[in-house]
């Protein structure tokens, strides 16, 4: 865990991974015609 933290794990790695996952999920939903409802 310490090596992960020292490598910047929670500084830029995790936010980047979760941001990409959200972006890809939104793209798939929109590509499949599933539009957001507010």
C-alpha atoms as a PDB file:
ATOM      1  CA  UNK A   1       0.000   0.000   0.000  1.00  0.00           C
ATOM      2  CA  UNK A   2       2.828   2.377   0.829  1.00  0.00           C
ATOM      3  CA  UNK A   3       4.400   1.845  -2.608  1.00  0.00           C
ATOM      4  CA  UNK A   4       1.020   2.599  -4.184  1.00  0.00           C
ATOM      5  CA  UNK A   5       0.735   5.818  -2.195  1.00  0.00           C
ATOM      6  CA  UNK A   6       4.328   6.834  -2.938  1.00  0.00           C
ATOM      7  CA  UNK A   7       3.714   6.281  -6.667  1.00  0.00           C
ATOM      8  CA  UNK A   8       0.840   8.778  -6.494  1.00  0.00           C
ATOM      9  CA  UNK A   9      -1.922   6.195  -6.307  1.00  0.00           C
ATOM     10  CA  UNK A  10      -4.515   8.453  -4.737  1.00  0.00           C
ATOM     11  CA  UNK A  11      -3.151  11.686  -6.193  1.00  0.00           C
ATOM     12  CA  UNK A  12      -3.640  11.022  -9.882  1.00  0.00           C
ATOM     13  CA  UNK A  13      -4.065   7.291 -10.570  1.00  0.00           C
ATOM     14  CA  UNK A  14      -7.413   6.559  -8.887  1.00  0.00           C
ATOM     15  CA  UNK A  15      -9.134   9.770 -10.034  1.00  0.00           C
ATOM     16  CA  UNK A  16      -7.993   9.088 -13.588  1.00  0.00           C
ATOM     17  CA  UNK A  17      -9.259   5.496 -13.542  1.00  0.00           C
ATOM     18  CA  UNK A  18     -12.646   6.365 -12.060  1.00  0.00           C
ATOM     19  CA  UNK A  19     -13.024   9.336 -14.395  1.00  0.00           C
ATOM     20  CA  UNK A  20     -12.339   7.150 -17.422  1.00  0.00           C
ATOM     21  CA  UNK A  21     -14.801   4.511 -16.190  1.00  0.00           C
ATOM     22  CA  UNK A  22     -17.539   7.140 -15.820  1.00  0.00           C
ATOM     23  CA  UNK A  23     -16.778   8.577 -19.259  1.00  0.00           C
ATOM     24  CA  UNK A  24     -16.825   5.160 -20.943  1.00  0.00           C
ATOM     25  CA  UNK A  25     -20.047   4.188 -19.157  1.00  0.00           C
ATOM     26  CA  UNK A  26     -21.762   7.390 -20.292  1.00  0.00           C
ATOM     27  CA  UNK A  27     -20.572   6.831 -23.868  1.00  0.00           C
ATOM     28  CA  UNK A  28     -21.892   3.248 -23.943  1.00  0.00           C
ATOM     29  CA  UNK A  29     -25.256   4.340 -22.538  1.00  0.00           C
ATOM     30  CA  UNK A  30     -25.581   7.146 -25.080  1.00  0.00           C
ATOM     31  CA  UNK A  31     -24.428   4.894 -27.941  1.00  0.00           C
ATOM     32  CA  UNK A  32     -27.131   2.401 -26.937  1.00  0.00           C
ATOM     33  CA  UNK A  33     -29.767   5.122 -26.991  1.00  0.00           C
ATOM     34  CA  UNK A  34     -30.261   5.275 -23.235  1.00  0.00           C
ATOM     35  CA  UNK A  35     -30.718   8.981 -22.541  1.00  0.00           C
ATOM     36  CA  UNK A  36     -30.559  10.552 -19.099  1.00  0.00           C
ATOM     37  CA  UNK A  37     -33.738  11.664 -17.381  1.00  0.00           C
ATOM     38  CA  UNK A  38     -33.650  14.529 -14.946  1.00  0.00           C
END
